[in-house]
């Protein structure tokens, strides 16, 4: 059986005991959401990517377990930065997963490309 990269990512998160992910779906991370829909991992829909990052920060602090947040590419990814920086400063284990433009378009100023 063949798995997509998104399916492998979700399976690995399940294997690591991740049971909740906070985030916002967008064009570049929809494959992750498709795979997440077939998973036992619960999703919390945030109103803003920064909120998703801080939800993950709070979950990790309160449980002592690594927490995960999702965002789309470009502004979605940059909106996570404050929460990621805060987690780093506080030594809180979070994983931020974002979408990205296709590899062939990196460096071409493609729509919502951030490197």
PDB file of N, CA and C in Angstrom:
ATOM      1  N   UNK A   1       0.838  -1.179   0.000  1.00  0.00           N
ATOM      2  CA  UNK A   1       0.000   0.000   0.000  1.00  0.00           C
ATOM      3  C   UNK A   1       0.886   1.246   0.000  1.00  0.00           C
ATOM      4  N   UNK A   2       0.546   2.212  -0.827  1.00  0.00           N
ATOM      5  CA  UNK A   2       1.290   3.466  -0.889  1.00  0.00           C
ATOM      6  C   UNK A   2       0.599   4.514  -0.020  1.00  0.00           C
ATOM      7  N   UNK A   3       1.415   5.316   0.645  1.00  0.00           N
ATOM      8  CA  UNK A   3       0.905   6.408   1.468  1.00  0.00           C
ATOM      9  C   UNK A   3       1.449   7.727   0.945  1.00  0.00           C
ATOM     10  N   UNK A   4       0.652   8.765   1.075  1.00  0.00           N
ATOM     11  CA  UNK A   4       1.124  10.107   0.715  1.00  0.00           C
ATOM     12  C   UNK A   4       1.974  10.652   1.861  1.00  0.00           C
ATOM     13  N   UNK A   5       2.695  11.719   1.601  1.00  0.00           N
ATOM     14  CA  UNK A   5       3.481  12.357   2.656  1.00  0.00           C
ATOM     15  C   UNK A   5       2.601  12.822   3.804  1.00  0.00           C
ATOM     16  N   UNK A   6       1.419  13.334   3.481  1.00  0.00           N
ATOM     17  CA  UNK A   6       0.490  13.789   4.518  1.00  0.00           C
ATOM     18  C   UNK A   6       0.022  12.617   5.373  1.00  0.00           C
ATOM     19  N   UNK A   7      -0.298  11.492   4.741  1.00  0.00           N
ATOM     20  CA  UNK A   7      -0.741  10.313   5.491  1.00  0.00           C
ATOM     21  C   UNK A   7       0.370   9.795   6.400  1.00  0.00           C
ATOM     22  N   UNK A   8       1.589   9.793   5.913  1.00  0.00           N
ATOM     23  CA  UNK A   8       2.728   9.356   6.729  1.00  0.00           C
ATOM     24  C   UNK A   8       2.903  10.293   7.918  1.00  0.00           C
ATOM     25  N   UNK A   9       2.795  11.590   7.674  1.00  0.00           N
ATOM     26  CA  UNK A   9       2.934  12.571   8.757  1.00  0.00           C
ATOM     27  C   UNK A   9       1.906  12.328   9.853  1.00  0.00           C
ATOM     28  N   UNK A  10       0.645  12.152   9.477  1.00  0.00           N
ATOM     29  CA  UNK A  10      -0.416  11.926  10.464  1.00  0.00           C
ATOM     30  C   UNK A  10      -0.197  10.605  11.194  1.00  0.00           C
ATOM     31  N   UNK A  11       0.184   9.552  10.484  1.00  0.00           N
ATOM     32  CA  UNK A  11       0.451   8.262  11.129  1.00  0.00           C
ATOM     33  C   UNK A  11       1.593   8.373  12.140  1.00  0.00           C
ATOM     34  N   UNK A  12       2.633   9.129  11.794  1.00  0.00           N
ATOM     35  CA  UNK A  12       3.751   9.315  12.724  1.00  0.00           C
ATOM     36  C   UNK A  12       3.322  10.122  13.948  1.00  0.00           C
ATOM     37  N   UNK A  13       2.493  11.136  13.756  1.00  0.00           N
ATOM     38  CA  UNK A  13       1.994  11.901  14.898  1.00  0.00           C
ATOM     39  C   UNK A  13       1.154  11.017  15.814  1.00  0.00           C
ATOM     40  N   UNK A  14       0.314  10.168  15.227  1.00  0.00           N
ATOM     41  CA  UNK A  14      -0.468   9.212  16.026  1.00  0.00           C
ATOM     42  C   UNK A  14       0.457   8.297  16.817  1.00  0.00           C
ATOM     43  N   UNK A  15       1.461   7.781  16.156  1.00  0.00           N
ATOM     44  CA  UNK A  15       2.404   6.858  16.798  1.00  0.00           C
ATOM     45  C   UNK A  15       3.125   7.520  17.976  1.00  0.00           C
ATOM     46  N   UNK A  16       3.334   8.828  17.874  1.00  0.00           N
ATOM     47  CA  UNK A  16       4.004   9.569  18.949  1.00  0.00           C
ATOM     48  C   UNK A  16       3.043  10.015  20.052  1.00  0.00           C
ATOM     49  N   UNK A  17       1.780   9.633  19.932  1.00  0.00           N
ATOM     50  CA  UNK A  17       0.817   9.921  20.988  1.00  0.00           C
ATOM     51  C   UNK A  17       0.117  11.265  20.885  1.00  0.00           C
ATOM     52  N   UNK A  18       0.222  11.912  19.745  1.00  0.00           N
ATOM     53  CA  UNK A  18      -0.487  13.182  19.553  1.00  0.00           C
ATOM     54  C   UNK A  18      -1.969  12.870  19.417  1.00  0.00           C
ATOM     55  N   UNK A  19      -2.808  13.521  20.239  1.00  0.00           N
ATOM     56  CA  UNK A  19      -4.241  13.248  20.152  1.00  0.00           C
ATOM     57  C   UNK A  19      -5.078  14.480  19.816  1.00  0.00           C
ATOM     58  N   UNK A  20      -4.455  15.662  19.838  1.00  0.00           N
ATOM     59  CA  UNK A  20      -5.145  16.902  19.472  1.00  0.00           C
ATOM     60  C   UNK A  20      -4.201  17.761  18.639  1.00  0.00           C
ATOM     61  N   UNK A  21      -4.731  18.373  17.592  1.00  0.00           N
ATOM     62  CA  UNK A  21      -3.978  19.329  16.777  1.00  0.00           C
ATOM     63  C   UNK A  21      -4.832  20.583  16.636  1.00  0.00           C
ATOM     64  N   UNK A  22      -4.214  21.740  16.853  1.00  0.00           N
ATOM     65  CA  UNK A  22      -4.895  23.016  16.647  1.00  0.00           C
ATOM     66  C   UNK A  22      -4.423  23.601  15.321  1.00  0.00           C
ATOM     67  N   UNK A  23      -5.315  24.226  14.587  1.00  0.00           N
ATOM     68  CA  UNK A  23      -4.866  24.802  13.329  1.00  0.00           C
ATOM     69  C   UNK A  23      -5.969  25.390  12.488  1.00  0.00           C
ATOM     70  N   UNK A  24      -5.552  25.803  11.295  1.00  0.00           N
ATOM     71  CA  UNK A  24      -6.465  26.371  10.304  1.00  0.00           C
ATOM     72  C   UNK A  24      -6.148  25.736   8.951  1.00  0.00           C
ATOM     73  N   UNK A  25      -7.158  25.149   8.297  1.00  0.00           N
ATOM     74  CA  UNK A  25      -6.907  24.588   6.971  1.00  0.00           C
ATOM     75  C   UNK A  25      -6.765  25.683   5.917  1.00  0.00           C
ATOM     76  N   UNK A  26      -5.946  25.413   4.931  1.00  0.00           N
ATOM     77  CA  UNK A  26      -5.752  26.317   3.801  1.00  0.00           C
ATOM     78  C   UNK A  26      -5.281  25.511   2.611  1.00  0.00           C
ATOM     79  N   UNK A  27      -5.182  26.127   1.479  1.00  0.00           N
ATOM     80  CA  UNK A  27      -4.856  25.416   0.244  1.00  0.00           C
ATOM     81  C   UNK A  27      -3.654  24.505   0.333  1.00  0.00           C
ATOM     82  N   UNK A  28      -2.569  24.972   0.950  1.00  0.00           N
ATOM     83  CA  UNK A  28      -1.331  24.186   0.938  1.00  0.00           C
ATOM     84  C   UNK A  28      -1.270  23.093   1.994  1.00  0.00           C
ATOM     85  N   UNK A  29      -2.168  23.109   2.979  1.00  0.00           N
ATOM     86  CA  UNK A  29      -2.130  22.038   3.974  1.00  0.00           C
ATOM     87  C   UNK A  29      -3.364  21.135   3.922  1.00  0.00           C
ATOM     88  N   UNK A  30      -4.172  21.277   2.883  1.00  0.00           N
ATOM     89  CA  UNK A  30      -5.369  20.439   2.769  1.00  0.00           C
ATOM     90  C   UNK A  30      -5.070  18.944   2.717  1.00  0.00           C
ATOM     91  N   UNK A  31      -3.958  18.499   2.107  1.00  0.00           N
ATOM     92  CA  UNK A  31      -3.663  17.066   2.178  1.00  0.00           C
ATOM     93  C   UNK A  31      -3.505  16.563   3.621  1.00  0.00           C
ATOM     94  N   UNK A  32      -2.938  17.390   4.504  1.00  0.00           N
ATOM     95  CA  UNK A  32      -2.834  17.008   5.915  1.00  0.00           C
ATOM     96  C   UNK A  32      -4.216  16.871   6.538  1.00  0.00           C
ATOM     97  N   UNK A  33      -5.106  17.797   6.211  1.00  0.00           N
ATOM     98  CA  UNK A  33      -6.456  17.734   6.760  1.00  0.00           C
ATOM     99  C   UNK A  33      -7.236  16.541   6.217  1.00  0.00           C
ATOM    100  N   UNK A  34      -6.995  16.189   4.977  1.00  0.00           N
ATOM    101  CA  UNK A  34      -7.631  15.001   4.408  1.00  0.00           C
ATOM    102  C   UNK A  34      -7.189  13.756   5.168  1.00  0.00           C
ATOM    103  N   UNK A  35      -5.893  13.653   5.427  1.00  0.00           N
ATOM    104  CA  UNK A  35      -5.368  12.511   6.189  1.00  0.00           C
ATOM    105  C   UNK A  35      -5.842  12.564   7.636  1.00  0.00           C
ATOM    106  N   UNK A  36      -5.945  13.750   8.201  1.00  0.00           N
ATOM    107  CA  UNK A  36      -6.394  13.915   9.581  1.00  0.00           C
ATOM    108  C   UNK A  36      -7.834  13.435   9.745  1.00  0.00           C
ATOM    109  N   UNK A  37      -8.646  13.608   8.696  1.00  0.00           N
ATOM    110  CA  UNK A  37     -10.033  13.160   8.737  1.00  0.00           C
ATOM    111  C   UNK A  37     -10.182  11.658   8.869  1.00  0.00           C
ATOM    112  N   UNK A  38      -9.151  10.905   8.522  1.00  0.00           N
ATOM    113  CA  UNK A  38      -9.170   9.442   8.632  1.00  0.00           C
ATOM    114  C   UNK A  38      -8.477   8.977   9.911  1.00  0.00           C
ATOM    115  N   UNK A  39      -8.115   9.920  10.753  1.00  0.00           N
ATOM    116  CA  UNK A  39      -7.322   9.645  11.942  1.00  0.00           C
ATOM    117  C   UNK A  39      -8.176   9.761  13.203  1.00  0.00           C
ATOM    118  N   UNK A  40      -7.642   9.267  14.308  1.00  0.00           N
ATOM    119  CA  UNK A  40      -8.299   9.426  15.605  1.00  0.00           C
ATOM    120  C   UNK A  40      -7.884  10.731  16.283  1.00  0.00           C
ATOM    121  N   UNK A  41      -6.955  11.454  15.680  1.00  0.00           N
ATOM    122  CA  UNK A  41      -6.508  12.724  16.249  1.00  0.00           C
ATOM    123  C   UNK A  41      -7.635  13.748  16.117  1.00  0.00           C
ATOM    124  N   UNK A  42      -7.918  14.449  17.214  1.00  0.00           N
ATOM    125  CA  UNK A  42      -8.955  15.480  17.222  1.00  0.00           C
ATOM    126  C   UNK A  42      -8.365  16.799  16.734  1.00  0.00           C
ATOM    127  N   UNK A  43      -9.158  17.574  16.034  1.00  0.00           N
ATOM    128  CA  UNK A  43      -8.706  18.875  15.533  1.00  0.00           C
ATOM    129  C   UNK A  43      -9.491  19.992  16.203  1.00  0.00           C
ATOM    130  N   UNK A  44      -8.771  21.036  16.607  1.00  0.00           N
ATOM    131  CA  UNK A  44      -9.403  22.242  17.129  1.00  0.00           C
ATOM    132  C   UNK A  44      -9.178  23.345  16.100  1.00  0.00           C
ATOM    133  N   UNK A  45     -10.260  23.874  15.569  1.00  0.00           N
ATOM    134  CA  UNK A  45     -10.179  24.935  14.566  1.00  0.00           C
ATOM    135  C   UNK A  45      -9.965  26.271  15.268  1.00  0.00           C
ATOM    136  N   UNK A  46      -8.864  26.920  14.960  1.00  0.00           N
ATOM    137  CA  UNK A  46      -8.557  28.230  15.538  1.00  0.00           C
ATOM    138  C   UNK A  46      -9.092  29.329  14.624  1.00  0.00           C
ATOM    139  N   UNK A  47      -9.254  30.516  15.162  1.00  0.00           N
ATOM    140  CA  UNK A  47      -9.678  31.663  14.353  1.00  0.00           C
ATOM    141  C   UNK A  47      -8.494  32.363  13.715  1.00  0.00           C
ATOM    142  N   UNK A  48      -7.301  32.111  14.238  1.00  0.00           N
ATOM    143  CA  UNK A  48      -6.086  32.753  13.735  1.00  0.00           C
ATOM    144  C   UNK A  48      -4.932  31.796  14.004  1.00  0.00           C
ATOM    145  N   UNK A  49      -3.950  31.783  13.135  1.00  0.00           N
ATOM    146  CA  UNK A  49      -2.816  30.868  13.286  1.00  0.00           C
ATOM    147  C   UNK A  49      -2.066  31.105  14.591  1.00  0.00           C
ATOM    148  N   UNK A  50      -1.951  32.364  15.006  1.00  0.00           N
ATOM    149  CA  UNK A  50      -1.269  32.633  16.270  1.00  0.00           C
ATOM    150  C   UNK A  50      -2.018  31.965  17.427  1.00  0.00           C
ATOM    151  N   UNK A  51      -3.340  31.994  17.362  1.00  0.00           N
ATOM    152  CA  UNK A  51      -4.148  31.312  18.370  1.00  0.00           C
ATOM    153  C   UNK A  51      -3.889  29.815  18.371  1.00  0.00           C
ATOM    154  N   UNK A  52      -3.757  29.228  17.190  1.00  0.00           N
ATOM    155  CA  UNK A  52      -3.449  27.794  17.099  1.00  0.00           C
ATOM    156  C   UNK A  52      -2.099  27.500  17.750  1.00  0.00           C
ATOM    157  N   UNK A  53      -1.125  28.371  17.503  1.00  0.00           N
ATOM    158  CA  UNK A  53       0.193  28.195  18.105  1.00  0.00           C
ATOM    159  C   UNK A  53       0.135  28.274  19.617  1.00  0.00           C
ATOM    160  N   UNK A  54      -0.600  29.258  20.138  1.00  0.00           N
ATOM    161  CA  UNK A  54      -0.692  29.392  21.590  1.00  0.00           C
ATOM    162  C   UNK A  54      -1.564  28.311  22.217  1.00  0.00           C
ATOM    163  N   UNK A  55      -2.547  27.782  21.476  1.00  0.00           N
ATOM    164  CA  UNK A  55      -3.289  26.619  21.980  1.00  0.00           C
ATOM    165  C   UNK A  55      -2.338  25.449  22.173  1.00  0.00           C
ATOM    166  N   UNK A  56      -1.477  25.225  21.182  1.00  0.00           N
ATOM    167  CA  UNK A  56      -0.497  24.140  21.284  1.00  0.00           C
ATOM    168  C   UNK A  56       0.458  24.392  22.442  1.00  0.00           C
ATOM    169  N   UNK A  57       0.881  25.628  22.598  1.00  0.00           N
ATOM    170  CA  UNK A  57       1.758  26.010  23.708  1.00  0.00           C
ATOM    171  C   UNK A  57       1.092  25.657  25.040  1.00  0.00           C
ATOM    172  N   UNK A  58      -0.173  26.047  25.193  1.00  0.00           N
ATOM    173  CA  UNK A  58      -0.901  25.761  26.429  1.00  0.00           C
ATOM    174  C   UNK A  58      -1.101  24.274  26.666  1.00  0.00           C
ATOM    175  N   UNK A  59      -1.420  23.534  25.595  1.00  0.00           N
ATOM    176  CA  UNK A  59      -1.596  22.084  25.748  1.00  0.00           C
ATOM    177  C   UNK A  59      -0.295  21.429  26.186  1.00  0.00           C
ATOM    178  N   UNK A  60       0.813  21.836  25.582  1.00  0.00           N
ATOM    179  CA  UNK A  60       2.104  21.246  25.933  1.00  0.00           C
ATOM    180  C   UNK A  60       2.492  21.592  27.369  1.00  0.00           C
ATOM    181  N   UNK A  61       2.256  22.826  27.777  1.00  0.00           N
ATOM    182  CA  UNK A  61       2.588  23.233  29.154  1.00  0.00           C
ATOM    183  C   UNK A  61       1.744  22.489  30.170  1.00  0.00           C
ATOM    184  N   UNK A  62       0.462  22.320  29.874  1.00  0.00           N
ATOM    185  CA  UNK A  62      -0.436  21.715  30.858  1.00  0.00           C
ATOM    186  C   UNK A  62      -0.333  20.196  30.919  1.00  0.00           C
ATOM    187  N   UNK A  63       0.084  19.569  29.828  1.00  0.00           N
ATOM    188  CA  UNK A  63       0.166  18.101  29.816  1.00  0.00           C
ATOM    189  C   UNK A  63       1.587  17.570  29.927  1.00  0.00           C
ATOM    190  N   UNK A  64       2.570  18.405  29.601  1.00  0.00           N
ATOM    191  CA  UNK A  64       3.958  17.933  29.578  1.00  0.00           C
ATOM    192  C   UNK A  64       4.293  17.136  28.326  1.00  0.00           C
ATOM    193  N   UNK A  65       3.328  17.042  27.402  1.00  0.00           N
ATOM    194  CA  UNK A  65       3.538  16.316  26.144  1.00  0.00           C
ATOM    195  C   UNK A  65       3.729  17.304  24.998  1.00  0.00           C
ATOM    196  N   UNK A  66       4.441  16.874  23.968  1.00  0.00           N
ATOM    197  CA  UNK A  66       4.586  17.694  22.770  1.00  0.00           C
ATOM    198  C   UNK A  66       3.211  17.932  22.155  1.00  0.00           C
ATOM    199  N   UNK A  67       2.970  19.150  21.699  1.00  0.00           N
ATOM    200  CA  UNK A  67       1.708  19.499  21.053  1.00  0.00           C
ATOM    201  C   UNK A  67       1.993  19.978  19.631  1.00  0.00           C
ATOM    202  N   UNK A  68       0.960  19.929  18.785  1.00  0.00           N
ATOM    203  CA  UNK A  68       1.122  20.202  17.356  1.00  0.00           C
ATOM    204  C   UNK A  68       0.128  21.257  16.891  1.00  0.00           C
ATOM    205  N   UNK A  69       0.593  22.121  15.982  1.00  0.00           N
ATOM    206  CA  UNK A  69      -0.305  23.071  15.326  1.00  0.00           C
ATOM    207  C   UNK A  69      -0.040  23.057  13.823  1.00  0.00           C
ATOM    208  N   UNK A  70      -1.094  23.350  13.066  1.00  0.00           N
ATOM    209  CA  UNK A  70      -1.040  23.396  11.605  1.00  0.00           C
ATOM    210  C   UNK A  70      -1.358  24.809  11.122  1.00  0.00           C
ATOM    211  N   UNK A  71      -0.721  25.199  10.026  1.00  0.00           N
ATOM    212  CA  UNK A  71      -1.063  26.447   9.329  1.00  0.00           C
ATOM    213  C   UNK A  71      -0.762  26.258   7.848  1.00  0.00           C
ATOM    214  N   UNK A  72      -1.340  27.116   7.028  1.00  0.00           N
ATOM    215  CA  UNK A  72      -1.027  27.065   5.600  1.00  0.00           C
ATOM    216  C   UNK A  72       0.266  27.832   5.349  1.00  0.00           C
ATOM    217  N   UNK A  73       0.642  27.955   4.115  1.00  0.00           N
ATOM    218  CA  UNK A  73       1.908  28.615   3.764  1.00  0.00           C
ATOM    219  C   UNK A  73       1.798  30.131   3.900  1.00  0.00           C
ATOM    220  N   UNK A  74       2.913  30.799   3.690  1.00  0.00           N
ATOM    221  CA  UNK A  74       2.953  32.257   3.651  1.00  0.00           C
ATOM    222  C   UNK A  74       2.519  32.901   4.946  1.00  0.00           C
ATOM    223  N   UNK A  75       1.458  33.727   4.899  1.00  0.00           N
ATOM    224  CA  UNK A  75       1.033  34.433   6.097  1.00  0.00           C
ATOM    225  C   UNK A  75       0.579  33.492   7.205  1.00  0.00           C
ATOM    226  N   UNK A  76       0.057  32.331   6.842  1.00  0.00           N
ATOM    227  CA  UNK A  76      -0.311  31.353   7.866  1.00  0.00           C
ATOM    228  C   UNK A  76       0.904  30.925   8.674  1.00  0.00           C
ATOM    229  N   UNK A  77       1.991  30.668   7.979  1.00  0.00           N
ATOM    230  CA  UNK A  77       3.234  30.256   8.645  1.00  0.00           C
ATOM    231  C   UNK A  77       3.819  31.393   9.473  1.00  0.00           C
ATOM    232  N   UNK A  78       3.837  32.594   8.920  1.00  0.00           N
ATOM    233  CA  UNK A  78       4.428  33.707   9.675  1.00  0.00           C
ATOM    234  C   UNK A  78       3.577  34.082  10.881  1.00  0.00           C
ATOM    235  N   UNK A  79       2.275  33.856  10.820  1.00  0.00           N
ATOM    236  CA  UNK A  79       1.411  34.139  11.970  1.00  0.00           C
ATOM    237  C   UNK A  79       1.686  33.206  13.148  1.00  0.00           C
ATOM    238  N   UNK A  80       2.323  32.077  12.910  1.00  0.00           N
ATOM    239  CA  UNK A  80       2.696  31.160  13.999  1.00  0.00           C
ATOM    240  C   UNK A  80       3.949  31.613  14.746  1.00  0.00           C
ATOM    241  N   UNK A  81       4.708  32.522  14.165  1.00  0.00           N
ATOM    242  CA  UNK A  81       6.052  32.821  14.678  1.00  0.00           C
ATOM    243  C   UNK A  81       6.086  33.300  16.126  1.00  0.00           C
ATOM    244  N   UNK A  82       5.141  34.121  16.550  1.00  0.00           N
ATOM    245  CA  UNK A  82       5.161  34.600  17.931  1.00  0.00           C
ATOM    246  C   UNK A  82       4.986  33.441  18.906  1.00  0.00           C
ATOM    247  N   UNK A  83       4.057  32.548  18.614  1.00  0.00           N
ATOM    248  CA  UNK A  83       3.844  31.390  19.488  1.00  0.00           C
ATOM    249  C   UNK A  83       5.051  30.458  19.478  1.00  0.00           C
ATOM    250  N   UNK A  84       5.660  30.266  18.317  1.00  0.00           N
ATOM    251  CA  UNK A  84       6.854  29.416  18.226  1.00  0.00           C
ATOM    252  C   UNK A  84       7.996  30.029  19.036  1.00  0.00           C
ATOM    253  N   UNK A  85       8.198  31.335  18.900  1.00  0.00           N
ATOM    254  CA  UNK A  85       9.269  32.008  19.645  1.00  0.00           C
ATOM    255  C   UNK A  85       9.017  31.922  21.145  1.00  0.00           C
ATOM    256  N   UNK A  86       7.765  32.105  21.560  1.00  0.00           N
ATOM    257  CA  UNK A  86       7.432  32.021  22.979  1.00  0.00           C
ATOM    258  C   UNK A  86       7.674  30.611  23.512  1.00  0.00           C
ATOM    259  N   UNK A  87       7.275  29.605  22.744  1.00  0.00           N
ATOM    260  CA  UNK A  87       7.507  28.216  23.160  1.00  0.00           C
ATOM    261  C   UNK A  87       8.999  27.929  23.280  1.00  0.00           C
ATOM    262  N   UNK A  88       9.776  28.442  22.346  1.00  0.00           N
ATOM    263  CA  UNK A  88      11.235  28.240  22.401  1.00  0.00           C
ATOM    264  C   UNK A  88      11.818  28.878  23.655  1.00  0.00           C
ATOM    265  N   UNK A  89      11.415  30.111  23.937  1.00  0.00           N
ATOM    266  CA  UNK A  89      11.937  30.817  25.113  1.00  0.00           C
ATOM    267  C   UNK A  89      11.550  30.124  26.419  1.00  0.00           C
ATOM    268  N   UNK A  90      10.377  29.487  26.435  1.00  0.00           N
ATOM    269  CA  UNK A  90       9.894  28.802  27.632  1.00  0.00           C
ATOM    270  C   UNK A  90      10.232  27.316  27.648  1.00  0.00           C
ATOM    271  N   UNK A  91      10.965  26.839  26.641  1.00  0.00           N
ATOM    272  CA  UNK A  91      11.316  25.409  26.515  1.00  0.00           C
ATOM    273  C   UNK A  91      10.078  24.519  26.517  1.00  0.00           C
ATOM    274  N   UNK A  92       9.062  24.951  25.780  1.00  0.00           N
ATOM    275  CA  UNK A  92       7.816  24.197  25.651  1.00  0.00           C
ATOM    276  C   UNK A  92       7.842  23.460  24.316  1.00  0.00           C
ATOM    277  N   UNK A  93       7.624  22.138  24.339  1.00  0.00           N
ATOM    278  CA  UNK A  93       7.743  21.353  23.098  1.00  0.00           C
ATOM    279  C   UNK A  93       6.509  21.427  22.201  1.00  0.00           C
ATOM    280  N   UNK A  94       6.595  22.226  21.146  1.00  0.00           N
ATOM    281  CA  UNK A  94       5.525  22.235  20.151  1.00  0.00           C
ATOM    282  C   UNK A  94       6.121  21.948  18.773  1.00  0.00           C
ATOM    283  N   UNK A  95       5.289  21.372  17.929  1.00  0.00           N
ATOM    284  CA  UNK A  95       5.652  21.116  16.535  1.00  0.00           C
ATOM    285  C   UNK A  95       4.698  21.932  15.678  1.00  0.00           C
ATOM    286  N   UNK A  96       5.244  22.787  14.847  1.00  0.00           N
ATOM    287  CA  UNK A  96       4.443  23.595  13.928  1.00  0.00           C
ATOM    288  C   UNK A  96       4.646  23.050  12.521  1.00  0.00           C
ATOM    289  N   UNK A  97       3.557  22.659  11.889  1.00  0.00           N
ATOM    290  CA  UNK A  97       3.619  22.100  10.538  1.00  0.00           C
ATOM    291  C   UNK A  97       2.854  23.035   9.612  1.00  0.00           C
ATOM    292  N   UNK A  98       3.528  23.494   8.565  1.00  0.00           N
ATOM    293  CA  UNK A  98       2.885  24.413   7.624  1.00  0.00           C
ATOM    294  C   UNK A  98       2.943  23.856   6.210  1.00  0.00           C
ATOM    295  N   UNK A  99       2.101  24.398   5.375  1.00  0.00           N
ATOM    296  CA  UNK A  99       2.162  24.075   3.961  1.00  0.00           C
ATOM    297  C   UNK A  99       3.292  24.850   3.301  1.00  0.00           C
ATOM    298  N   UNK A 100       3.562  24.531   2.055  1.00  0.00           N
ATOM    299  CA  UNK A 100       4.589  25.223   1.273  1.00  0.00           C
ATOM    300  C   UNK A 100       4.225  25.059  -0.199  1.00  0.00           C
ATOM    301  N   UNK A 101       4.727  25.961  -1.000  1.00  0.00           N
ATOM    302  CA  UNK A 101       4.524  25.844  -2.445  1.00  0.00           C
ATOM    303  C   UNK A 101       5.296  24.620  -2.942  1.00  0.00           C
ATOM    304  N   UNK A 102       4.979  24.106  -4.126  1.00  0.00           N
ATOM    305  CA  UNK A 102       5.754  22.981  -4.666  1.00  0.00           C
ATOM    306  C   UNK A 102       7.247  23.318  -4.750  1.00  0.00           C
ATOM    307  N   UNK A 103       8.083  22.326  -4.561  1.00  0.00           N
ATOM    308  CA  UNK A 103       9.546  22.514  -4.572  1.00  0.00           C
ATOM    309  C   UNK A 103      10.025  23.254  -5.810  1.00  0.00           C
ATOM    310  N   UNK A 104       9.415  22.966  -6.936  1.00  0.00           N
ATOM    311  CA  UNK A 104       9.851  23.600  -8.187  1.00  0.00           C
ATOM    312  C   UNK A 104       9.583  25.107  -8.210  1.00  0.00           C
ATOM    313  N   UNK A 105       8.720  25.588  -7.309  1.00  0.00           N
ATOM    314  CA  UNK A 105       8.384  27.015  -7.281  1.00  0.00           C
ATOM    315  C   UNK A 105       9.115  27.792  -6.191  1.00  0.00           C
ATOM    316  N   UNK A 106       9.858  27.108  -5.334  1.00  0.00           N
ATOM    317  CA  UNK A 106      10.582  27.807  -4.273  1.00  0.00           C
ATOM    318  C   UNK A 106      11.616  28.732  -4.910  1.00  0.00           C
ATOM    319  N   UNK A 107      11.623  29.966  -4.443  1.00  0.00           N
ATOM    320  CA  UNK A 107      12.553  30.960  -4.971  1.00  0.00           C
ATOM    321  C   UNK A 107      12.027  31.739  -6.159  1.00  0.00           C
ATOM    322  N   UNK A 108      10.769  31.508  -6.525  1.00  0.00           N
ATOM    323  CA  UNK A 108      10.207  32.195  -7.697  1.00  0.00           C
ATOM    324  C   UNK A 108       9.189  33.270  -7.325  1.00  0.00           C
ATOM    325  N   UNK A 109       9.060  33.570  -6.041  1.00  0.00           N
ATOM    326  CA  UNK A 109       8.036  34.503  -5.553  1.00  0.00           C
ATOM    327  C   UNK A 109       6.630  33.999  -5.863  1.00  0.00           C
ATOM    328  N   UNK A 110       6.435  32.706  -5.753  1.00  0.00           N
ATOM    329  CA  UNK A 110       5.122  32.109  -5.982  1.00  0.00           C
ATOM    330  C   UNK A 110       4.142  32.605  -4.919  1.00  0.00           C
ATOM    331  N   UNK A 111       2.854  32.444  -5.184  1.00  0.00           N
ATOM    332  CA  UNK A 111       1.811  32.881  -4.263  1.00  0.00           C
ATOM    333  C   UNK A 111       2.037  32.293  -2.874  1.00  0.00           C
ATOM    334  N   UNK A 112       2.102  33.136  -1.872  1.00  0.00           N
ATOM    335  CA  UNK A 112       2.289  32.779  -0.467  1.00  0.00           C
ATOM    336  C   UNK A 112       3.568  31.993  -0.197  1.00  0.00           C
ATOM    337  N   UNK A 113       4.591  32.214  -0.986  1.00  0.00           N
ATOM    338  CA  UNK A 113       5.876  31.559  -0.735  1.00  0.00           C
ATOM    339  C   UNK A 113       6.628  32.327   0.344  1.00  0.00           C
ATOM    340  N   UNK A 114       7.079  31.621   1.350  1.00  0.00           N
ATOM    341  CA  UNK A 114       7.933  32.188   2.399  1.00  0.00           C
ATOM    342  C   UNK A 114       9.045  31.189   2.638  1.00  0.00           C
ATOM    343  N   UNK A 115      10.281  31.658   2.600  1.00  0.00           N
ATOM    344  CA  UNK A 115      11.403  30.745   2.821  1.00  0.00           C
ATOM    345  C   UNK A 115      12.141  31.146   4.072  1.00  0.00           C
TER     346      UNK A 115
END
